[in-house]
Amino acid sequence: MKCPWCQALENRVMDSRYREGGAVIRRRRKCMACNRRFTTYERVGEIFPWIVKKDGRRENYSREKVISGIWKACEKLPVSREQMDEVVSKIEIHLCELGEKEVTVSVVGDLVMMHLRDLHQVAYVRFASVYRTFNDLDDFMDELKGLLKKKKPVAVKVKTKPKAVKKVKVKTKAKSKKKT
């Protein structure tokens, strides 16, 4: 692995950690020439299907493009980088499980929307507004209404049964005073 600063090939692994359930290994390295530290990530090289664009062009699947789209949708929202990486990993697993040599870009977009809906609803709406290219406000409102219909209502039923109140007789001993 080349050092990103001095391009030297000799480096030492300082720390290794598993991420994303063991699908990725994060390695912290130290360059032996310039003594600077850098991080590398290792993942299994999977064969992804070709992506067929809307205009018919074909290109390789790009993890960076998917991450970029999700990153823009989640910008300034309480969504961590780990959560976004997990979504991308789920999308990639789904693409590999399809077993197809080619998939349309709409398949990838639909997968992103499906996972963003579960991750954060605002991120879902942001991505949908760009991906679906709504023609007018009515199309956008229809999408929001569909989102609200699919939203699971949170019903909290609290059964409050009055507890049986036991009457407790408190016996007090009264001190009697004898008058003499």
C-alpha atoms as a PDB file:
ATOM      1  CA  MET A   1       0.000   0.000   0.000  1.00  0.00           C
ATOM      2  CA  LYS A   2       1.485   3.347  -1.031  1.00  0.00           C
ATOM      3  CA  CYS A   3       1.743   6.159   1.471  1.00  0.00           C
ATOM      4  CA  PRO A   4      -0.593   8.961   0.310  1.00  0.00           C
ATOM      5  CA  TRP A   5       2.012  11.603   1.264  1.00  0.00           C
ATOM      6  CA  CYS A   6       5.427  10.324   0.197  1.00  0.00           C
ATOM      7  CA  GLN A   7       4.367   7.402  -2.075  1.00  0.00           C
ATOM      8  CA  ALA A   8       6.676   4.974  -0.243  1.00  0.00           C
ATOM      9  CA  LEU A   9       5.637   1.334  -0.329  1.00  0.00           C
ATOM     10  CA  GLU A  10       6.908   0.328   3.093  1.00  0.00           C
ATOM     11  CA  ASN A  11       4.422   0.752   5.918  1.00  0.00           C
ATOM     12  CA  ARG A  12       3.368  -1.031   9.056  1.00  0.00           C
ATOM     13  CA  VAL A  13      -0.155  -1.965  10.168  1.00  0.00           C
ATOM     14  CA  MET A  14      -0.739  -0.429  13.599  1.00  0.00           C
ATOM     15  CA  ASP A  15      -4.347  -1.511  14.165  1.00  0.00           C
ATOM     16  CA  SER A  16      -7.008  -3.591  12.390  1.00  0.00           C
ATOM     17  CA  ARG A  17     -10.734  -3.551  13.096  1.00  0.00           C
ATOM     18  CA  TYR A  18     -13.750  -5.181  11.513  1.00  0.00           C
ATOM     19  CA  ARG A  19     -16.612  -3.002  10.320  1.00  0.00           C
ATOM     20  CA  GLU A  20     -20.001  -3.626   8.777  1.00  0.00           C
ATOM     21  CA  GLY A  21     -20.332  -7.044  10.352  1.00  0.00           C
ATOM     22  CA  GLY A  22     -16.955  -8.277   9.144  1.00  0.00           C
ATOM     23  CA  ALA A  23     -17.481  -7.275   5.502  1.00  0.00           C
ATOM     24  CA  VAL A  24     -14.841  -4.536   5.769  1.00  0.00           C
ATOM     25  CA  ILE A  25     -11.509  -4.375   7.564  1.00  0.00           C
ATOM     26  CA  ARG A  26     -10.230  -0.955   8.638  1.00  0.00           C
ATOM     27  CA  ARG A  27      -6.451  -0.809   8.947  1.00  0.00           C
ATOM     28  CA  ARG A  28      -4.484   2.018  10.540  1.00  0.00           C
ATOM     29  CA  ARG A  29      -1.020   2.171   8.959  1.00  0.00           C
ATOM     30  CA  LYS A  30       2.233   4.015   9.604  1.00  0.00           C
ATOM     31  CA  CYS A  31       4.627   4.897   6.784  1.00  0.00           C
ATOM     32  CA  MET A  32       8.181   3.764   7.514  1.00  0.00           C
ATOM     33  CA  ALA A  33       9.689   6.566   5.396  1.00  0.00           C
ATOM     34  CA  CYS A  34       7.848   9.690   6.578  1.00  0.00           C
ATOM     35  CA  ASN A  35       6.297   8.322   9.829  1.00  0.00           C
ATOM     36  CA  ARG A  36       2.833   9.655   8.939  1.00  0.00           C
ATOM     37  CA  ARG A  37      -0.281   7.603   9.610  1.00  0.00           C
ATOM     38  CA  PHE A  38      -3.126   6.792   7.254  1.00  0.00           C
ATOM     39  CA  THR A  39      -6.183   4.544   7.122  1.00  0.00           C
ATOM     40  CA  THR A  40      -7.096   1.932   4.539  1.00  0.00           C
ATOM     41  CA  TYR A  41     -10.238  -0.131   4.099  1.00  0.00           C
ATOM     42  CA  GLU A  42     -10.357  -3.631   2.663  1.00  0.00           C
ATOM     43  CA  ARG A  43     -13.495  -5.241   1.292  1.00  0.00           C
ATOM     44  CA  VAL A  44     -14.187  -8.305  -0.794  1.00  0.00           C
ATOM     45  CA  GLY A  45     -14.047  -7.537  -4.499  1.00  0.00           C
ATOM     46  CA  GLU A  46     -17.518  -8.446  -5.688  1.00  0.00           C
ATOM     47  CA  ILE A  47     -18.683  -8.509  -9.266  1.00  0.00           C
ATOM     48  CA  PHE A  48     -21.465  -5.978  -9.610  1.00  0.00           C
ATOM     49  CA  PRO A  49     -23.776  -5.764 -12.592  1.00  0.00           C
ATOM     50  CA  TRP A  50     -23.311  -3.090 -15.237  1.00  0.00           C
ATOM     51  CA  ILE A  51     -25.559  -0.075 -14.761  1.00  0.00           C
ATOM     52  CA  VAL A  52     -27.696   0.875 -17.770  1.00  0.00           C
ATOM     53  CA  LYS A  53     -28.287   4.635 -17.774  1.00  0.00           C
ATOM     54  CA  LYS A  54     -31.485   6.319 -18.983  1.00  0.00           C
ATOM     55  CA  ASP A  55     -29.875   7.211 -22.312  1.00  0.00           C
ATOM     56  CA  GLY A  56     -28.754   3.591 -22.884  1.00  0.00           C
ATOM     57  CA  ARG A  57     -25.100   4.018 -21.921  1.00  0.00           C
ATOM     58  CA  ARG A  58     -23.567   1.325 -19.756  1.00  0.00           C
ATOM     59  CA  GLU A  59     -21.063   1.917 -16.999  1.00  0.00           C
ATOM     60  CA  ASN A  60     -19.552   0.091 -14.058  1.00  0.00           C
ATOM     61  CA  TYR A  61     -21.321   0.215 -10.734  1.00  0.00           C
ATOM     62  CA  SER A  62     -19.848   3.025  -8.635  1.00  0.00           C
ATOM     63  CA  ARG A  63     -20.055   2.811  -4.860  1.00  0.00           C
ATOM     64  CA  GLU A  64     -18.884   6.425  -4.691  1.00  0.00           C
ATOM     65  CA  LYS A  65     -21.880   7.643  -6.722  1.00  0.00           C
ATOM     66  CA  VAL A  66     -24.329   5.840  -4.449  1.00  0.00           C
ATOM     67  CA  ILE A  67     -22.609   7.178  -1.326  1.00  0.00           C
ATOM     68  CA  SER A  68     -22.626  10.685  -2.806  1.00  0.00           C
ATOM     69  CA  GLY A  69     -26.375  10.567  -3.439  1.00  0.00           C
ATOM     70  CA  ILE A  70     -27.109   9.258   0.032  1.00  0.00           C
ATOM     71  CA  TRP A  71     -24.718  11.780   1.591  1.00  0.00           C
ATOM     72  CA  LYS A  72     -26.519  14.680  -0.098  1.00  0.00           C
ATOM     73  CA  ALA A  73     -29.907  13.361   1.011  1.00  0.00           C
ATOM     74  CA  CYS A  74     -28.732  12.957   4.625  1.00  0.00           C
ATOM     75  CA  GLU A  75     -26.875  16.254   4.831  1.00  0.00           C
ATOM     76  CA  LYS A  76     -27.502  18.073   8.140  1.00  0.00           C
ATOM     77  CA  LEU A  77     -29.627  15.202   9.448  1.00  0.00           C
ATOM     78  CA  PRO A  78     -28.849  13.025  12.476  1.00  0.00           C
ATOM     79  CA  VAL A  79     -27.601  10.143  10.315  1.00  0.00           C
ATOM     80  CA  SER A  80     -24.118   8.790  10.972  1.00  0.00           C
ATOM     81  CA  ARG A  81     -21.574   7.796   8.358  1.00  0.00           C
ATOM     82  CA  GLU A  82     -21.801   4.217   9.640  1.00  0.00           C
ATOM     83  CA  GLN A  83     -25.555   4.166   8.985  1.00  0.00           C
ATOM     84  CA  MET A  84     -24.993   5.432   5.443  1.00  0.00           C
ATOM     85  CA  ASP A  85     -22.272   2.831   4.828  1.00  0.00           C
ATOM     86  CA  GLU A  86     -24.631   0.143   6.104  1.00  0.00           C
ATOM     87  CA  VAL A  87     -27.315   1.261   3.627  1.00  0.00           C
ATOM     88  CA  VAL A  88     -24.818   1.134   0.748  1.00  0.00           C
ATOM     89  CA  SER A  89     -23.687  -2.332   1.822  1.00  0.00           C
ATOM     90  CA  LYS A  90     -27.307  -3.557   1.863  1.00  0.00           C
ATOM     91  CA  ILE A  91     -27.843  -2.118  -1.626  1.00  0.00           C
ATOM     92  CA  GLU A  92     -24.706  -3.846  -2.900  1.00  0.00           C
ATOM     93  CA  ILE A  93     -25.761  -7.169  -1.392  1.00  0.00           C
ATOM     94  CA  HIS A  94     -29.153  -6.820  -3.057  1.00  0.00           C
ATOM     95  CA  LEU A  95     -27.560  -6.016  -6.426  1.00  0.00           C
ATOM     96  CA  CYS A  96     -25.306  -9.081  -6.210  1.00  0.00           C
ATOM     97  CA  GLU A  97     -28.217 -11.295  -5.182  1.00  0.00           C
ATOM     98  CA  LEU A  98     -30.132 -10.251  -8.299  1.00  0.00           C
ATOM     99  CA  GLY A  99     -27.688 -12.312 -10.344  1.00  0.00           C
ATOM    100  CA  GLU A 100     -28.110 -10.046 -13.373  1.00  0.00           C
ATOM    101  CA  LYS A 101     -25.302  -8.888 -15.655  1.00  0.00           C
ATOM    102  CA  GLU A 102     -27.004  -5.535 -16.197  1.00  0.00           C
ATOM    103  CA  VAL A 103     -29.525  -3.515 -14.202  1.00  0.00           C
ATOM    104  CA  THR A 104     -31.088  -0.180 -14.985  1.00  0.00           C
ATOM    105  CA  VAL A 105     -30.212   2.881 -12.991  1.00  0.00           C
ATOM    106  CA  SER A 106     -33.836   2.961 -11.799  1.00  0.00           C
ATOM    107  CA  VAL A 107     -33.292  -0.336  -9.938  1.00  0.00           C
ATOM    108  CA  VAL A 108     -30.428   1.217  -8.003  1.00  0.00           C
ATOM    109  CA  GLY A 109     -32.465   4.380  -7.358  1.00  0.00           C
ATOM    110  CA  ASP A 110     -35.431   2.363  -6.103  1.00  0.00           C
ATOM    111  CA  LEU A 111     -33.157   0.409  -3.749  1.00  0.00           C
ATOM    112  CA  VAL A 112     -31.713   3.642  -2.377  1.00  0.00           C
ATOM    113  CA  MET A 113     -35.211   5.041  -1.828  1.00  0.00           C
ATOM    114  CA  MET A 114     -36.384   1.849  -0.128  1.00  0.00           C
ATOM    115  CA  HIS A 115     -33.512   1.952   2.366  1.00  0.00           C
ATOM    116  CA  LEU A 116     -33.690   5.717   2.919  1.00  0.00           C
ATOM    117  CA  ARG A 117     -37.392   5.420   3.753  1.00  0.00           C
ATOM    118  CA  ASP A 118     -36.430   3.152   6.652  1.00  0.00           C
ATOM    119  CA  LEU A 119     -33.398   5.220   7.648  1.00  0.00           C
ATOM    120  CA  HIS A 120     -34.823   8.770   7.735  1.00  0.00           C
ATOM    121  CA  GLN A 121     -37.992  10.120   6.141  1.00  0.00           C
ATOM    122  CA  VAL A 122     -36.569  13.571   5.365  1.00  0.00           C
ATOM    123  CA  ALA A 123     -33.603  11.971   3.595  1.00  0.00           C
ATOM    124  CA  TYR A 124     -36.077   9.853   1.635  1.00  0.00           C
ATOM    125  CA  VAL A 125     -38.047  12.926   0.524  1.00  0.00           C
ATOM    126  CA  ARG A 126     -34.864  14.775  -0.437  1.00  0.00           C
ATOM    127  CA  PHE A 127     -33.615  11.872  -2.535  1.00  0.00           C
ATOM    128  CA  ALA A 128     -37.041  11.317  -4.094  1.00  0.00           C
ATOM    129  CA  SER A 129     -37.336  14.991  -5.061  1.00  0.00           C
ATOM    130  CA  VAL A 130     -34.171  14.717  -7.164  1.00  0.00           C
ATOM    131  CA  TYR A 131     -34.504  11.104  -8.320  1.00  0.00           C
ATOM    132  CA  ARG A 132     -38.146  11.206  -9.363  1.00  0.00           C
ATOM    133  CA  THR A 133     -37.945  14.683 -10.935  1.00  0.00           C
ATOM    134  CA  PHE A 134     -41.416  15.803  -9.932  1.00  0.00           C
ATOM    135  CA  ASN A 135     -43.159  17.910 -12.552  1.00  0.00           C
ATOM    136  CA  ASP A 136     -45.226  19.948 -10.157  1.00  0.00           C
ATOM    137  CA  LEU A 137     -46.241  20.311  -6.544  1.00  0.00           C
ATOM    138  CA  ASP A 138     -49.107  17.821  -6.924  1.00  0.00           C
ATOM    139  CA  ASP A 139     -46.692  15.006  -7.827  1.00  0.00           C
ATOM    140  CA  PHE A 140     -44.587  15.874  -4.807  1.00  0.00           C
ATOM    141  CA  MET A 141     -47.632  15.937  -2.527  1.00  0.00           C
ATOM    142  CA  ASP A 142     -48.756  12.547  -3.849  1.00  0.00           C
ATOM    143  CA  GLU A 143     -45.368  11.103  -2.881  1.00  0.00           C
ATOM    144  CA  LEU A 144     -45.638  12.604   0.596  1.00  0.00           C
ATOM    145  CA  LYS A 145     -49.157  11.221   1.023  1.00  0.00           C
ATOM    146  CA  GLY A 146     -47.886   7.786   0.016  1.00  0.00           C
ATOM    147  CA  LEU A 147     -45.120   8.087   2.584  1.00  0.00           C
ATOM    148  CA  LEU A 148     -47.604   9.020   5.292  1.00  0.00           C
ATOM    149  CA  LYS A 149     -49.850   6.078   4.396  1.00  0.00           C
ATOM    150  CA  LYS A 150     -46.946   3.657   4.652  1.00  0.00           C
ATOM    151  CA  LYS A 151     -45.830   5.142   7.945  1.00  0.00           C
ATOM    152  CA  LYS A 152     -46.650   2.752  10.715  1.00  0.00           C
ATOM    153  CA  PRO A 153     -48.733   4.429  13.371  1.00  0.00           C
ATOM    154  CA  VAL A 154     -47.265   4.263  16.782  1.00  0.00           C
ATOM    155  CA  ALA A 155     -50.057   3.058  19.007  1.00  0.00           C
ATOM    156  CA  VAL A 156     -49.300   2.866  22.627  1.00  0.00           C
ATOM    157  CA  LYS A 157     -51.986   1.259  24.695  1.00  0.00           C
ATOM    158  CA  VAL A 158     -51.597   1.583  28.355  1.00  0.00           C
ATOM    159  CA  LYS A 159     -53.858  -0.573  30.396  1.00  0.00           C
ATOM    160  CA  THR A 160     -54.352   1.004  33.701  1.00  0.00           C
ATOM    161  CA  LYS A 161     -56.272  -1.115  36.075  1.00  0.00           C
ATOM    162  CA  PRO A 162     -56.927   0.442  39.381  1.00  0.00           C
ATOM    163  CA  LYS A 163     -55.017  -1.449  41.937  1.00  0.00           C
ATOM    164  CA  ALA A 164     -56.986  -2.929  44.744  1.00  0.00           C
ATOM    165  CA  VAL A 165     -56.680  -0.694  47.702  1.00  0.00           C
ATOM    166  CA  LYS A 166     -56.369  -2.512  50.924  1.00  0.00           C
ATOM    167  CA  LYS A 167     -57.857  -0.850  53.855  1.00  0.00           C
ATOM    168  CA  VAL A 168     -55.466  -1.120  56.640  1.00  0.00           C
ATOM    169  CA  LYS A 169     -56.680  -0.527  60.100  1.00  0.00           C
ATOM    170  CA  VAL A 170     -54.160   1.247  62.071  1.00  0.00           C
ATOM    171  CA  LYS A 171     -54.442   0.386  65.674  1.00  0.00           C
ATOM    172  CA  THR A 172     -53.215   2.994  67.948  1.00  0.00           C
ATOM    173  CA  LYS A 173     -52.880   2.562  71.594  1.00  0.00           C
ATOM    174  CA  ALA A 174     -54.199   5.493  73.390  1.00  0.00           C
ATOM    175  CA  LYS A 175     -52.579   6.187  76.639  1.00  0.00           C
ATOM    176  CA  SER A 176     -55.116   6.522  79.275  1.00  0.00           C
ATOM    177  CA  LYS A 177     -54.551   8.785  82.139  1.00  0.00           C
ATOM    178  CA  LYS A 178     -56.025   7.894  85.406  1.00  0.00           C
ATOM    179  CA  LYS A 179     -57.172  10.683  87.571  1.00  0.00           C
ATOM    180  CA  THR A 180     -56.697  10.180  91.137  1.00  0.00           C
END
